[in-house]
Amino acid sequence: MTGADHIVYVIDDDRSSRQSLEFLLTASGYRVQSFASSKEFLRFSRPELPGCLVLDVRMPGQTGLELQEELSKIGVRVPIIFMTGHGDIPMSVKAMKAGAAEFLTKPFREDDMLRSIAQAIERDRVAHRERLELAELRQRHARLTPREREVMASVVTGLLNKQVAGELGTAEKTIKAHRAQVMRKMEAGSLADLVRMSEKLRAAESEMI
């Protein structure tokens, strides 16, 4: 893992704490972008890279927990490592239930922070790869004609060409031609591949509802 293929965001209103953490992470090989407030972070144009957010809980203006909630609402999915000098159990439970990767109390051990960041970045790396794969699948699916989408929806249920033809009221040879186009446009090497693609698309649509 190199600093060019990931990024760690640090938000802490305490300048000395922020600079100390930034120095630790930079010395450990991480690419770091730090902010004094949630507002600064939200204005920042974030690169499309795996990463994580190291976030102070108690800050003037928008708190860390409030930022976590806002990011969830606007669809920004990034693992969050909370840090605080005044943490309590209800606060940490709320953060973890909302999806936080870790909750560390200041002063934290450097090893604990570095381990948490490494785990969070790996978690986001997997999610990032899945997001790119899903985006590619959606692009392929968008290239299908309305009829080809109907054929794909029927084929992935296990229906034979003859059965799909009867269901859609057309000739079997026409379904064969549409099916071949579906396989080509979706870049599916087999029916099993096409079924997996369909399941990923359907699962993504369900999450958006």
Protein backbone atom coordinates (compact mmCIF):
# COMPACT_ATOMS: atom_id res chain seq x y z
CA MET A 1 0.00 0.00 0.00
CA THR A 2 1.41 3.35 -1.05
CA GLY A 3 0.36 6.87 -0.12
CA ALA A 4 -0.76 7.49 -3.69
CA ASP A 5 -3.56 4.92 -3.67
CA HIS A 6 -5.40 5.95 -0.51
CA ILE A 7 -6.06 8.96 1.69
CA VAL A 8 -6.65 9.59 5.39
CA TYR A 9 -8.78 12.58 6.35
CA VAL A 10 -8.24 14.09 9.80
CA ILE A 11 -10.74 16.51 11.35
CA ASP A 12 -9.81 18.04 14.70
CA ASP A 13 -10.31 21.61 15.88
CA ASP A 14 -7.28 21.29 18.20
CA ARG A 15 -4.38 22.44 16.04
CA SER A 16 -1.61 20.73 18.01
CA SER A 17 -3.47 17.41 18.10
CA ARG A 18 -4.25 17.68 14.41
CA GLN A 19 -0.64 18.42 13.44
CA SER A 20 0.70 15.69 15.72
CA LEU A 21 -1.57 13.09 14.15
CA GLU A 22 -0.80 14.34 10.66
CA PHE A 23 2.94 13.97 11.36
CA LEU A 24 2.46 10.43 12.69
CA LEU A 25 0.45 9.33 9.67
CA THR A 26 2.73 10.99 7.12
CA ALA A 27 5.77 9.39 8.75
CA SER A 28 3.95 6.04 8.54
CA GLY A 29 3.52 6.39 4.78
CA TYR A 30 -0.04 7.65 4.62
CA ARG A 31 -1.33 10.43 2.40
CA VAL A 32 -3.09 12.84 4.77
CA GLN A 33 -5.49 15.75 4.35
CA SER A 34 -6.40 17.52 7.59
CA PHE A 35 -9.16 19.99 8.48
CA ALA A 36 -10.00 22.17 11.47
CA SER A 37 -13.77 21.69 11.09
CA SER A 38 -16.47 19.59 9.50
CA LYS A 39 -17.38 22.54 7.28
CA GLU A 40 -13.87 22.60 5.77
CA PHE A 41 -14.06 18.87 5.08
CA LEU A 42 -17.45 19.12 3.38
CA ARG A 43 -16.16 21.88 1.10
CA PHE A 44 -13.14 19.80 0.08
CA SER A 45 -13.30 18.06 -3.32
CA ARG A 46 -12.43 14.52 -2.30
CA PRO A 47 -10.56 12.30 -4.79
CA GLU A 48 -12.10 8.96 -5.75
CA LEU A 49 -9.73 6.92 -3.59
CA PRO A 50 -10.09 4.38 -0.78
CA GLY A 51 -9.55 5.97 2.60
CA CYS A 52 -10.87 6.69 6.05
CA LEU A 53 -11.83 9.60 8.25
CA VAL A 54 -10.25 10.21 11.66
CA LEU A 55 -12.75 12.44 13.39
CA ASP A 56 -12.82 14.27 16.70
CA VAL A 57 -16.17 13.91 18.44
CA ARG A 58 -16.45 17.25 20.23
CA MET A 59 -15.88 20.27 18.00
CA PRO A 60 -17.37 23.77 17.82
CA GLY A 61 -20.25 23.97 15.38
CA GLN A 62 -21.01 20.60 13.86
CA THR A 63 -19.89 17.74 16.11
CA GLY A 64 -18.31 14.53 14.87
CA LEU A 65 -21.50 12.56 15.46
CA GLU A 66 -23.52 15.15 13.55
CA LEU A 67 -21.07 14.96 10.64
CA GLN A 68 -21.36 11.17 10.66
CA GLU A 69 -25.13 11.52 10.34
CA GLU A 70 -24.87 14.10 7.55
CA LEU A 71 -22.41 11.97 5.55
CA SER A 72 -24.81 9.05 5.79
CA LYS A 73 -27.69 11.20 4.52
CA ILE A 74 -25.76 12.50 1.50
CA GLY A 75 -24.43 9.05 0.60
CA VAL A 76 -20.76 9.55 1.47
CA ARG A 77 -19.53 6.17 2.63
CA VAL A 78 -16.16 6.33 4.34
CA PRO A 79 -15.02 4.38 7.42
CA ILE A 80 -14.87 6.69 10.44
CA ILE A 81 -12.47 6.40 13.36
CA PHE A 82 -13.71 8.59 16.20
CA MET A 83 -11.36 10.07 18.77
CA THR A 84 -12.25 12.02 21.87
CA GLY A 85 -10.84 13.18 25.17
CA HIS A 86 -14.28 13.09 26.78
CA GLY A 87 -15.87 9.93 25.47
CA ASP A 88 -18.53 7.99 27.28
CA ILE A 89 -20.23 4.65 26.68
CA PRO A 90 -23.52 5.99 25.22
CA MET A 91 -21.57 8.18 22.79
CA SER A 92 -19.37 5.33 21.60
CA VAL A 93 -22.35 2.98 21.27
CA LYS A 94 -24.21 5.55 19.14
CA ALA A 95 -21.18 6.02 16.90
CA MET A 96 -20.59 2.29 16.42
CA LYS A 97 -24.26 1.58 15.74
CA ALA A 98 -24.13 4.23 13.02
CA GLY A 99 -21.27 2.36 11.36
CA ALA A 100 -18.10 3.79 12.90
CA ALA A 101 -15.00 1.66 12.39
CA GLU A 102 -13.46 2.48 15.79
CA PHE A 103 -13.81 4.76 18.81
CA LEU A 104 -10.54 5.76 20.48
CA THR A 105 -10.13 7.82 23.64
CA LYS A 106 -7.37 10.42 23.85
CA PRO A 107 -4.58 9.98 24.60
CA PHE A 108 -4.59 6.89 22.40
CA ARG A 109 -1.67 4.62 21.68
CA GLU A 110 -0.10 5.31 18.30
CA ASP A 111 -0.16 1.60 17.46
CA ASP A 112 -3.90 1.46 18.14
CA MET A 113 -4.53 4.38 15.80
CA LEU A 114 -2.31 2.99 13.05
CA ARG A 115 -3.90 -0.44 13.30
CA SER A 116 -7.40 1.05 13.18
CA ILE A 117 -6.51 3.13 10.12
CA ALA A 118 -4.97 0.17 8.29
CA GLN A 119 -8.09 -1.92 8.92
CA ALA A 120 -10.44 0.92 7.90
CA ILE A 121 -8.58 1.58 4.65
CA GLU A 122 -8.61 -2.10 3.74
CA ARG A 123 -12.33 -2.21 4.46
CA ASP A 124 -12.89 0.83 2.23
CA ARG A 125 -10.60 -0.59 -0.46
CA VAL A 126 -12.91 -3.60 -0.77
CA ALA A 127 -16.00 -1.35 -0.78
CA HIS A 128 -14.37 0.96 -3.33
CA ARG A 129 -13.66 -1.94 -5.67
CA GLU A 130 -17.25 -3.14 -5.30
CA ARG A 131 -18.58 0.36 -6.08
CA LEU A 132 -16.48 0.53 -9.26
CA GLU A 133 -17.64 -2.93 -10.33
CA LEU A 134 -21.27 -1.97 -9.70
CA ALA A 135 -20.87 1.26 -11.69
CA GLU A 136 -19.47 -0.76 -14.60
CA LEU A 137 -22.36 -3.25 -14.38
CA ARG A 138 -24.86 -0.40 -14.47
CA GLN A 139 -23.20 1.05 -17.55
CA ARG A 140 -23.40 -2.30 -19.32
CA HIS A 141 -27.02 -2.77 -18.31
CA ALA A 142 -27.86 0.72 -19.56
CA ARG A 143 -26.65 -0.31 -23.03
CA LEU A 144 -29.37 -2.97 -23.27
CA THR A 145 -32.55 -2.18 -25.19
CA PRO A 146 -35.86 -2.43 -23.28
CA ARG A 147 -36.54 -5.79 -24.95
CA GLU A 148 -33.06 -7.09 -24.09
CA ARG A 149 -33.66 -6.16 -20.45
CA GLU A 150 -36.90 -8.14 -20.52
CA VAL A 151 -35.06 -11.12 -21.99
CA MET A 152 -32.30 -10.86 -19.40
CA ALA A 153 -34.84 -10.68 -16.55
CA SER A 154 -36.50 -13.87 -17.81
CA VAL A 155 -33.33 -15.76 -18.68
CA VAL A 156 -31.75 -15.31 -15.23
CA THR A 157 -34.77 -17.01 -13.64
CA GLY A 158 -33.80 -20.20 -15.47
CA LEU A 159 -36.35 -20.13 -18.28
CA LEU A 160 -35.42 -21.74 -21.59
CA ASN A 161 -35.45 -19.71 -24.81
CA LYS A 162 -38.71 -21.36 -25.84
CA GLN A 163 -40.32 -20.45 -22.52
CA VAL A 164 -39.07 -16.86 -22.70
CA ALA A 165 -40.44 -16.60 -26.24
CA GLY A 166 -43.86 -17.77 -25.04
CA GLU A 167 -43.75 -15.36 -22.09
CA LEU A 168 -42.85 -12.38 -24.27
CA GLY A 169 -44.99 -13.39 -27.24
CA THR A 170 -42.25 -13.69 -29.85
CA ALA A 171 -40.32 -16.32 -31.81
CA GLU A 172 -37.70 -18.52 -30.17
CA LYS A 173 -35.05 -17.51 -32.73
CA THR A 174 -35.69 -13.87 -31.85
CA ILE A 175 -35.08 -14.64 -28.17
CA LYS A 176 -31.86 -16.44 -29.09
CA ALA A 177 -30.67 -13.32 -30.91
CA HIS A 178 -31.61 -11.06 -28.00
CA ARG A 179 -29.96 -13.42 -25.53
CA ALA A 180 -26.74 -13.37 -27.51
CA GLN A 181 -26.81 -9.57 -27.48
CA VAL A 182 -27.42 -9.53 -23.73
CA MET A 183 -24.46 -11.83 -23.10
CA ARG A 184 -22.23 -9.70 -25.32
CA LYS A 185 -23.25 -6.32 -23.93
CA MET A 186 -23.10 -7.50 -20.31
CA GLU A 187 -19.75 -9.20 -21.03
CA ALA A 188 -21.00 -12.38 -19.39
CA GLY A 189 -19.04 -15.55 -20.12
CA SER A 190 -21.83 -17.85 -18.99
CA LEU A 191 -25.39 -17.90 -17.71
CA ALA A 192 -24.00 -18.16 -14.17
CA ASP A 193 -22.08 -14.91 -14.74
CA LEU A 194 -25.24 -13.22 -15.97
CA VAL A 195 -27.19 -14.43 -12.92
CA ARG A 196 -24.54 -13.03 -10.56
CA MET A 197 -24.61 -9.70 -12.38
CA SER A 198 -28.38 -9.56 -12.15
CA GLU A 199 -28.29 -10.31 -8.42
CA LYS A 200 -25.75 -7.52 -7.80
CA LEU A 201 -27.88 -5.02 -9.72
CA ARG A 202 -31.04 -6.08 -7.91
CA ALA A 203 -29.35 -5.91 -4.49
CA ALA A 204 -28.05 -2.41 -5.23
CA GLU A 205 -31.52 -1.25 -6.25
CA SER A 206 -33.00 -2.69 -3.05
CA GLU A 207 -30.48 -0.76 -0.92
CA MET A 208 -31.53 2.48 -2.60
CA ILE A 209 -35.22 2.01 -1.71
